[in-house]
Protein backbone atom coordinates (compact mmCIF):
# COMPACT_ATOMS: atom_id res chain seq x y z
CA MET A 1 -2.41 13.34 -55.23
CA ASP A 2 0.88 15.21 -55.53
CA LEU A 3 0.06 17.22 -58.65
CA ARG A 4 3.38 18.96 -59.27
CA SER A 5 7.03 19.14 -58.25
CA ALA A 6 8.34 21.66 -55.76
CA HIS A 7 9.54 24.66 -57.79
CA PRO A 8 7.10 25.90 -60.46
CA TYR A 9 7.93 29.34 -61.82
CA TRP A 10 4.62 31.03 -61.03
CA LEU A 11 4.79 30.35 -57.29
CA LEU A 12 8.32 31.68 -57.04
CA LYS A 13 7.52 34.71 -59.21
CA ASN A 14 4.31 35.72 -57.44
CA GLY A 15 4.71 34.43 -53.88
CA LEU A 16 1.66 34.40 -51.62
CA GLN A 17 -0.92 36.57 -53.33
CA GLY A 18 -3.66 36.24 -50.77
CA SER A 19 -4.47 34.83 -47.35
CA TYR A 20 -7.59 32.81 -46.73
CA PRO A 21 -8.70 31.37 -43.38
CA ALA A 22 -9.40 27.74 -42.67
CA LEU A 23 -13.05 26.93 -42.01
CA GLU A 24 -13.29 26.71 -38.22
CA ARG A 25 -17.09 27.11 -37.87
CA ASP A 26 -20.13 25.54 -39.46
CA ALA A 27 -21.38 27.49 -42.47
CA ARG A 28 -24.15 27.82 -45.03
CA CYS A 29 -24.11 28.79 -48.69
CA GLU A 30 -26.04 28.14 -51.87
CA VAL A 31 -23.13 26.51 -53.73
CA LEU A 32 -20.00 24.88 -52.32
CA VAL A 33 -17.10 24.84 -54.80
CA VAL A 34 -14.49 22.22 -53.91
CA GLY A 35 -11.12 23.17 -55.38
CA GLY A 36 -9.35 26.53 -55.26
CA GLY A 37 -7.35 26.42 -58.49
CA ILE A 38 -8.10 28.32 -61.67
CA THR A 39 -11.21 26.21 -62.37
CA GLY A 40 -12.73 26.75 -58.94
CA ALA A 41 -11.84 30.44 -59.08
CA LEU A 42 -13.60 30.92 -62.42
CA VAL A 43 -16.67 29.05 -61.19
CA ALA A 44 -16.81 31.02 -57.94
CA TYR A 45 -16.35 34.34 -59.75
CA HIS A 46 -19.17 33.64 -62.20
CA LEU A 47 -21.51 32.49 -59.43
CA ALA A 48 -20.70 35.46 -57.19
CA GLU A 49 -21.18 37.84 -60.13
CA ALA A 50 -24.67 36.35 -60.52
CA GLY A 51 -25.40 36.97 -56.83
CA VAL A 52 -25.18 33.31 -55.78
CA SER A 53 -23.88 32.77 -52.23
CA THR A 54 -20.75 30.70 -52.86
CA MET A 55 -18.06 29.10 -50.72
CA VAL A 56 -14.72 27.80 -52.02
CA LEU A 57 -12.90 25.06 -50.13
CA ASP A 58 -9.40 23.73 -50.83
CA ARG A 59 -7.29 21.34 -48.78
CA ARG A 60 -4.12 23.04 -50.03
CA ASP A 61 -3.22 26.71 -50.17
CA ILE A 62 -5.18 28.46 -52.91
CA GLY A 63 -3.71 27.86 -56.36
CA TRP A 64 -1.03 25.46 -55.15
CA GLY A 65 -2.14 22.41 -57.12
CA SER A 66 -2.04 22.03 -60.89
CA THR A 67 -2.64 25.75 -61.38
CA ALA A 68 0.82 26.62 -60.09
CA ALA A 69 2.37 24.26 -62.65
CA SER A 70 0.37 25.46 -65.66
CA THR A 71 2.25 26.95 -68.59
CA ALA A 72 -1.02 28.81 -69.33
CA LEU A 73 -1.16 28.85 -73.12
CA LEU A 74 -4.73 29.82 -74.05
CA GLN A 75 -5.62 28.09 -77.30
CA TYR A 76 -8.84 27.13 -79.02
CA GLU A 77 -7.05 24.11 -80.48
CA ILE A 78 -8.13 20.90 -78.79
CA ASP A 79 -5.61 18.08 -78.39
CA THR A 80 -7.67 16.18 -80.97
CA PRO A 81 -7.40 17.95 -84.36
CA LEU A 82 -10.70 19.30 -85.66
CA HIS A 83 -10.89 17.02 -88.70
CA GLU A 84 -10.33 13.98 -86.46
CA LEU A 85 -12.88 15.21 -83.92
CA GLU A 86 -15.41 15.57 -86.74
CA ALA A 87 -14.88 11.89 -87.59
CA LYS A 88 -15.35 10.88 -83.94
CA LEU A 89 -18.28 13.05 -82.89
CA GLY A 90 -19.78 14.48 -86.07
CA ARG A 91 -19.08 17.83 -87.71
CA ASP A 92 -21.59 19.88 -85.72
CA HIS A 93 -20.35 18.67 -82.33
CA ALA A 94 -16.70 19.11 -83.28
CA VAL A 95 -17.08 22.55 -84.85
CA ARG A 96 -19.15 23.89 -81.97
CA SER A 97 -16.52 22.61 -79.53
CA TYR A 98 -13.74 24.43 -81.37
CA GLN A 99 -15.80 27.60 -81.71
CA ALA A 100 -16.65 27.55 -78.01
CA CYS A 101 -12.94 27.34 -77.18
CA ARG A 102 -12.09 30.19 -79.57
CA ASP A 103 -14.81 32.38 -78.08
CA ALA A 104 -13.63 31.56 -74.55
CA ILE A 105 -10.26 33.24 -75.25
CA TYR A 106 -12.01 36.58 -75.75
CA LYS A 107 -14.37 36.03 -72.83
CA ILE A 108 -11.30 35.70 -70.63
CA GLN A 109 -9.95 38.88 -72.18
CA THR A 110 -13.17 40.72 -71.29
CA LEU A 111 -13.19 39.21 -67.79
CA VAL A 112 -9.60 40.30 -67.13
CA SER A 113 -10.34 43.82 -68.37
CA ASN A 114 -12.85 44.12 -65.51
CA LEU A 115 -10.33 43.06 -62.83
CA ASP A 116 -7.78 45.19 -60.99
CA ASP A 117 -4.87 43.18 -62.45
CA ASP A 118 -4.33 42.11 -66.06
CA CYS A 119 -2.76 38.88 -64.72
CA GLY A 120 -0.28 38.79 -67.57
CA PHE A 121 -3.05 38.28 -70.12
CA LYS A 122 -2.07 39.07 -73.69
CA THR A 123 -3.52 37.93 -76.99
CA LYS A 124 -1.05 36.00 -79.14
CA PRO A 125 -1.15 34.25 -82.49
CA SER A 126 -0.34 30.55 -82.56
CA LEU A 127 1.93 28.46 -84.79
CA TYR A 128 1.07 24.76 -85.22
CA TYR A 129 3.84 23.10 -87.24
CA SER A 130 4.90 19.71 -88.53
CA GLY A 131 8.40 18.69 -89.49
CA LEU A 132 7.38 15.49 -91.29
CA LYS A 133 6.32 15.31 -94.92
CA ARG A 134 4.01 12.40 -94.14
CA ASP A 135 1.93 14.74 -91.97
CA LEU A 136 1.23 17.09 -94.89
CA PRO A 137 -2.14 15.54 -95.96
CA GLY A 138 -3.45 15.58 -92.40
CA MET A 139 -2.31 19.14 -91.84
CA LYS A 140 -4.08 20.23 -95.02
CA LYS A 141 -7.25 18.49 -93.84
CA GLU A 142 -6.95 20.30 -90.54
CA PHE A 143 -6.47 23.67 -92.23
CA ALA A 144 -9.53 23.11 -94.44
CA ALA A 145 -11.65 22.00 -91.46
CA ARG A 146 -10.76 25.12 -89.50
CA ARG A 147 -11.48 27.37 -92.46
CA ARG A 148 -14.91 25.72 -92.86
CA ALA A 149 -15.53 26.37 -89.17
CA GLY A 150 -14.92 30.08 -89.66
CA ILE A 151 -11.62 30.13 -87.77
CA ALA A 152 -9.02 32.66 -88.95
CA VAL A 153 -6.00 30.63 -90.08
CA GLU A 154 -3.17 30.97 -92.58
CA TRP A 155 -1.42 28.12 -94.39
CA TRP A 156 2.37 28.28 -94.26
CA SER A 157 4.36 26.19 -96.71
CA SER A 158 7.89 25.08 -95.87
CA ARG A 159 9.18 28.21 -97.58
CA GLN A 160 6.89 30.47 -95.56
CA VAL A 161 7.95 28.80 -92.30
CA THR A 162 11.59 29.60 -93.03
CA GLU A 163 10.67 33.18 -93.99
CA HIS A 164 9.27 33.78 -90.52
CA MET A 165 11.23 31.38 -88.32
CA PRO A 166 14.88 30.27 -88.04
CA PHE A 167 13.91 26.62 -88.50
CA LYS A 168 12.72 24.54 -91.43
CA LYS A 169 9.51 22.52 -91.21
CA SER A 170 7.32 20.92 -93.83
CA CYS A 171 4.28 23.12 -93.14
CA ALA A 172 2.40 25.04 -90.45
CA ILE A 173 -1.00 26.51 -89.61
CA TYR A 174 -0.85 30.06 -88.26
CA SER A 175 -3.83 31.11 -86.14
CA ARG A 176 -4.74 34.62 -85.07
CA ASP A 177 -6.79 33.45 -82.09
CA GLY A 178 -4.73 32.71 -78.99
CA ALA A 179 -3.51 34.21 -75.72
CA GLN A 180 -1.42 33.63 -72.63
CA VAL A 181 -1.87 34.44 -68.95
CA ASP A 182 -0.45 33.96 -65.47
CA ALA A 183 -2.95 31.39 -64.18
CA TYR A 184 -1.79 31.62 -60.55
CA ARG A 185 -2.24 35.40 -60.44
CA LEU A 186 -5.57 35.12 -62.22
CA THR A 187 -6.80 32.58 -59.66
CA HIS A 188 -6.10 34.88 -56.72
CA THR A 189 -7.41 37.97 -58.49
CA LEU A 190 -10.67 36.23 -59.38
CA LEU A 191 -11.20 34.94 -55.85
CA GLN A 192 -10.45 38.32 -54.30
CA ALA A 193 -12.98 39.89 -56.66
CA ALA A 194 -15.50 37.15 -55.84
CA CYS A 195 -15.06 37.82 -52.12
CA GLN A 196 -16.11 41.42 -52.75
CA LYS A 197 -19.45 40.06 -53.97
CA ALA A 198 -21.10 36.87 -52.71
CA ALA A 199 -18.21 34.44 -52.08
CA ARG A 200 -16.12 33.20 -49.17
CA VAL A 201 -12.86 31.32 -49.58
CA HIS A 202 -11.27 28.85 -47.14
CA ASP A 203 -8.07 26.93 -47.77
CA ARG A 204 -6.23 24.26 -45.78
CA THR A 205 -9.65 22.70 -45.24
CA GLY A 206 -10.41 19.38 -46.91
CA LEU A 207 -13.80 17.91 -47.77
CA THR A 208 -14.25 14.49 -46.16
CA GLY A 209 -17.71 13.70 -47.50
CA TYR A 210 -21.27 14.86 -47.98
CA GLU A 211 -24.81 13.54 -47.73
CA VAL A 212 -28.07 14.63 -49.29
CA GLN A 213 -30.98 15.63 -47.09
CA GLY A 214 -33.99 16.58 -49.18
CA ASN A 215 -33.00 19.46 -51.42
CA LYS A 216 -29.83 20.21 -49.45
CA VAL A 217 -26.39 18.73 -49.03
CA ILE A 218 -24.45 18.60 -45.79
CA ALA A 219 -20.70 18.50 -46.35
CA THR A 220 -18.17 17.62 -43.67
CA THR A 221 -14.56 18.78 -43.46
CA ASP A 222 -11.36 17.47 -41.93
CA ARG A 223 -11.60 20.26 -39.35
CA GLY A 224 -14.84 18.87 -37.95
CA THR A 225 -16.98 21.61 -39.46
CA THR A 226 -20.04 21.22 -41.67
CA ILE A 227 -21.34 23.19 -44.63
CA ARG A 228 -25.00 23.22 -45.63
CA ALA A 229 -25.50 24.01 -49.30
CA ARG A 230 -27.95 23.59 -52.14
CA HIS A 231 -25.39 22.19 -54.55
CA ILE A 232 -21.73 21.12 -54.74
CA VAL A 233 -19.38 21.81 -57.65
CA PHE A 234 -16.27 19.66 -57.75
CA ALA A 235 -13.40 21.57 -59.37
CA THR A 236 -10.73 19.14 -58.19
CA GLY A 237 -9.25 18.34 -61.59
CA TYR A 238 -7.27 15.15 -61.99
CA GLU A 239 -7.91 14.00 -58.43
CA ALA A 240 -11.62 13.59 -59.19
CA GLN A 241 -11.14 10.45 -61.31
CA GLY A 242 -10.61 8.34 -58.19
CA ASP A 243 -14.18 9.05 -57.08
CA LEU A 244 -15.98 8.57 -60.39
CA ASP A 245 -17.51 5.32 -61.65
CA GLN A 246 -16.84 6.29 -65.28
CA LYS A 247 -13.17 6.35 -66.27
CA VAL A 248 -12.92 9.62 -68.14
CA VAL A 249 -9.21 10.47 -68.05
CA SER A 250 -5.76 8.97 -68.34
CA LEU A 251 -3.04 10.72 -66.34
CA HIS A 252 0.32 11.86 -67.69
CA SER A 253 3.32 13.79 -66.47
CA SER A 254 4.56 16.86 -68.33
CA PHE A 255 7.77 18.83 -67.89
CA ALA A 256 8.52 22.53 -68.25
CA LEU A 257 11.43 24.99 -68.24
CA VAL A 258 11.60 28.76 -67.86
CA SER A 259 14.60 30.73 -69.06
CA GLU A 260 16.34 33.71 -67.57
CA PRO A 261 15.14 36.94 -69.27
CA ILE A 262 16.28 37.24 -72.88
CA ALA A 263 18.27 40.39 -73.63
CA GLY A 264 16.99 42.90 -76.12
CA ARG A 265 13.73 44.57 -77.02
CA GLY A 266 10.92 43.60 -79.30
CA PRO A 267 9.69 40.09 -80.15
CA ILE A 268 11.98 37.17 -79.32
CA TRP A 269 10.62 35.34 -82.38
CA HIS A 270 7.89 36.10 -84.92
CA GLU A 271 5.20 38.05 -83.05
CA ASP A 272 6.13 36.08 -79.90
CA CYS A 273 3.51 33.59 -81.06
CA LEU A 274 2.58 30.49 -79.15
CA ILE A 275 4.34 27.52 -80.76
CA TRP A 276 3.40 23.86 -80.67
CA GLU A 277 4.13 20.90 -82.85
CA HIS A 278 2.01 18.26 -84.52
CA ALA A 279 3.26 15.25 -82.56
CA ASP A 280 2.30 13.00 -79.68
CA PRO A 281 3.54 14.07 -77.23
CA TYR A 282 4.10 17.57 -78.54
CA LEU A 283 6.55 20.34 -77.73
CA TYR A 284 5.09 23.76 -76.89
CA LEU A 285 6.61 27.19 -76.28
CA ARG A 286 5.60 30.69 -75.23
CA THR A 287 7.18 33.89 -73.95
CA THR A 288 6.41 35.94 -70.83
CA ALA A 289 5.96 39.65 -70.16
CA ASP A 290 9.46 39.81 -68.62
CA ARG A 291 11.02 38.29 -71.77
CA ARG A 292 11.44 34.75 -70.53
CA ILE A 293 10.77 31.66 -72.60
CA ILE A 294 8.67 28.75 -71.36
CA ILE A 295 9.12 25.32 -72.95
CA GLY A 296 6.95 22.31 -72.13
CA GLY A 297 6.49 18.73 -73.23
CA GLU A 298 8.27 15.38 -73.03
CA ASP A 299 5.16 13.80 -71.54
CA GLU A 300 5.20 10.42 -69.82
CA ASP A 301 2.44 8.21 -68.47
CA PHE A 302 1.92 9.10 -64.83
CA ARG A 303 2.90 6.40 -62.34
CA ASP A 304 3.81 8.23 -59.17
CA ALA A 305 5.09 11.65 -58.15
CA ASP A 306 8.53 10.42 -57.10
CA ARG A 307 9.23 8.87 -60.48
CA ARG A 308 7.87 11.96 -62.24
CA ASP A 309 10.12 14.28 -60.26
CA SER A 310 13.16 12.06 -60.72
CA LEU A 311 12.88 12.66 -64.48
CA ILE A 312 13.02 16.47 -64.30
CA GLU A 313 16.77 16.70 -64.91
CA SER A 314 16.85 14.39 -67.94
CA LYS A 315 13.62 15.78 -69.41
CA SER A 316 14.93 19.32 -68.97
CA ALA A 317 18.05 18.44 -70.92
CA THR A 318 15.92 17.03 -73.75
CA LEU A 319 13.64 20.07 -73.85
CA LEU A 320 16.64 22.38 -73.90
CA ARG A 321 18.21 20.41 -76.76
CA LYS A 322 14.99 20.62 -78.77
CA PHE A 323 14.78 24.35 -78.21
CA GLN A 324 18.36 24.88 -79.32
CA HIS A 325 17.63 22.90 -82.47
CA LEU A 326 14.76 25.28 -83.27
CA PHE A 327 16.43 28.49 -82.14
CA PRO A 328 20.22 28.04 -82.23
CA ASP A 329 20.87 31.78 -81.92
CA ILE A 330 18.77 32.40 -78.82
CA PRO A 331 20.69 31.79 -75.58
CA PHE A 332 18.55 29.81 -73.14
CA GLU A 333 19.76 29.76 -69.56
CA VAL A 334 17.45 27.62 -67.43
CA ALA A 335 16.06 29.53 -64.47
CA PHE A 336 13.35 27.11 -63.29
CA ALA A 337 12.31 23.56 -64.14
CA TRP A 338 9.36 21.58 -62.86
CA ALA A 339 6.97 18.73 -63.57
CA GLY A 340 3.22 18.48 -63.31
CA THR A 341 0.42 15.96 -63.74
CA PHE A 342 -2.26 16.44 -66.37
CA GLY A 343 -5.01 14.35 -67.91
CA GLU A 344 -6.25 13.45 -71.38
CA THR A 345 -9.64 12.19 -72.49
CA LYS A 346 -10.31 9.97 -75.48
CA ASP A 347 -11.76 12.79 -77.56
CA GLY A 348 -9.74 15.65 -76.05
CA LEU A 349 -12.87 17.31 -74.61
CA PRO A 350 -13.58 18.07 -70.95
CA TYR A 351 -16.28 16.55 -68.76
CA ILE A 352 -18.65 19.14 -67.36
CA GLY A 353 -21.93 18.46 -65.60
CA GLN A 354 -23.65 15.92 -63.39
CA THR A 355 -23.09 12.21 -63.01
CA PRO A 356 -25.54 9.78 -61.29
CA GLU A 357 -23.30 8.59 -58.46
CA PHE A 358 -23.08 12.11 -57.03
CA PRO A 359 -26.56 13.58 -56.40
CA ARG A 360 -26.86 17.38 -56.18
CA ALA A 361 -23.30 17.73 -57.42
CA SER A 362 -21.59 18.77 -60.64
CA PHE A 363 -18.07 18.27 -61.97
CA THR A 364 -15.90 20.71 -63.92
CA LEU A 365 -13.09 18.56 -65.29
CA GLY A 366 -11.16 20.60 -67.85
CA PHE A 367 -8.76 17.90 -68.95
CA GLY A 368 -6.37 18.44 -71.84
CA GLY A 369 -3.84 20.93 -73.09
CA ASN A 370 -6.24 23.89 -72.94
CA GLY A 371 -7.69 23.34 -69.48
CA ILE A 372 -8.05 27.05 -68.64
CA ILE A 373 -10.22 27.55 -71.71
CA TYR A 374 -12.37 24.61 -70.64
CA SER A 375 -12.58 26.06 -67.14
CA LEU A 376 -14.08 29.29 -68.47
CA ILE A 377 -16.67 27.28 -70.41
CA ALA A 378 -17.36 25.18 -67.31
CA ALA A 379 -17.86 28.28 -65.18
CA GLU A 380 -20.54 29.55 -67.55
CA ILE A 381 -22.24 26.15 -67.64
CA MET A 382 -22.20 25.89 -63.83
CA ARG A 383 -23.62 29.40 -63.41
CA ASP A 384 -26.43 28.70 -65.85
CA GLU A 385 -27.15 25.31 -64.30
CA ILE A 386 -27.46 26.83 -60.82
CA LEU A 387 -29.66 29.66 -62.14
CA GLY A 388 -31.89 27.20 -64.01
CA LYS A 389 -30.91 28.50 -67.43
CA LYS A 390 -30.11 26.48 -70.55
CA ASN A 391 -26.49 26.66 -71.71
CA GLU A 392 -25.79 25.97 -75.37
CA HIS A 393 -22.50 24.23 -74.64
CA ALA A 394 -23.60 21.91 -71.82
CA GLU A 395 -24.51 19.02 -74.14
CA LEU A 396 -21.11 19.14 -75.88
CA PHE A 397 -19.16 18.27 -72.75
CA ARG A 398 -21.60 16.20 -70.70
CA PHE A 399 -20.83 12.90 -69.02
CA GLY A 400 -21.97 9.85 -70.99
CA ARG A 401 -21.63 11.60 -74.36
């Protein structure tokens, strides 16, 4: 699948951050991780840290799939509001899911602090707003549900929104727990750190299949090589749906813009918070370390990559118009624009774990608007699964839930 258009900001900003050989010889490892994006990198890093012999395989260059197109907002908020998730799955399941996502933000912070590069990680508050009076009851329910869950949030009335922002909205929820990162840089930094421990990384090498022989799997590649492993972890994101019996995701296209650097010093808006709206689809914004603004949204159902990419110009114009409506005094000169494919599940939660049609294999499918957060959770679950340990979050995100 063509997961993104040709010119995402992160690739152009960072360039080639690492070189990895193709797999030209047969190999052995304990765990084969298929997929070299941010999910595969987090899984490989956690396994290598635990001393597990790990190999990463990607048919593209490392990080060149969905990771390169990520706007990389790190939020505990799931695409399904907490009070709605409670109604769908029960309060305990919903609250634990939100708390796991909140905690994952700070686990990423700790992880990054142990790397040689901060990868643009920075904690940020988050503003979740609605411009419609009819949304007020639901927003109040959401605020109360988060407070009950022990999440640090503030209620902003319409007056308080205008005190902090140049736009008027009916209400907002301001959260202290959030962050942002450069996902492409983080992917390479994690894999380079993993290679210093118990991991090997090979790109431009595609998996063509695997078979189970006793307690082992033998995987074959498009280069005619084989890999003998104890277990396979599929970190192939949206492409995995084509192989699964259970339909777990619907695919969409999203669009993003990055501005030229904004002149001045200090915050561009209130605390340079992450901003997203209560809508479907929703608009979302963040800043970067070099004082750029990233805008995303204008989602469409995914049909094919050509149609997605043909919409970049018109979607960019709409995103720019929406930004100017919110921030009429901030000049936004478009530097980069791109489109990417992403997936949504019915409850907004990822699918992590094993499924019957794939013996001795696990999937880490972090679908939704906070996929990087889900990937961190998945990496911990995969590590514990391989080590034979119980993980408290595994049941929340299992297949067949």
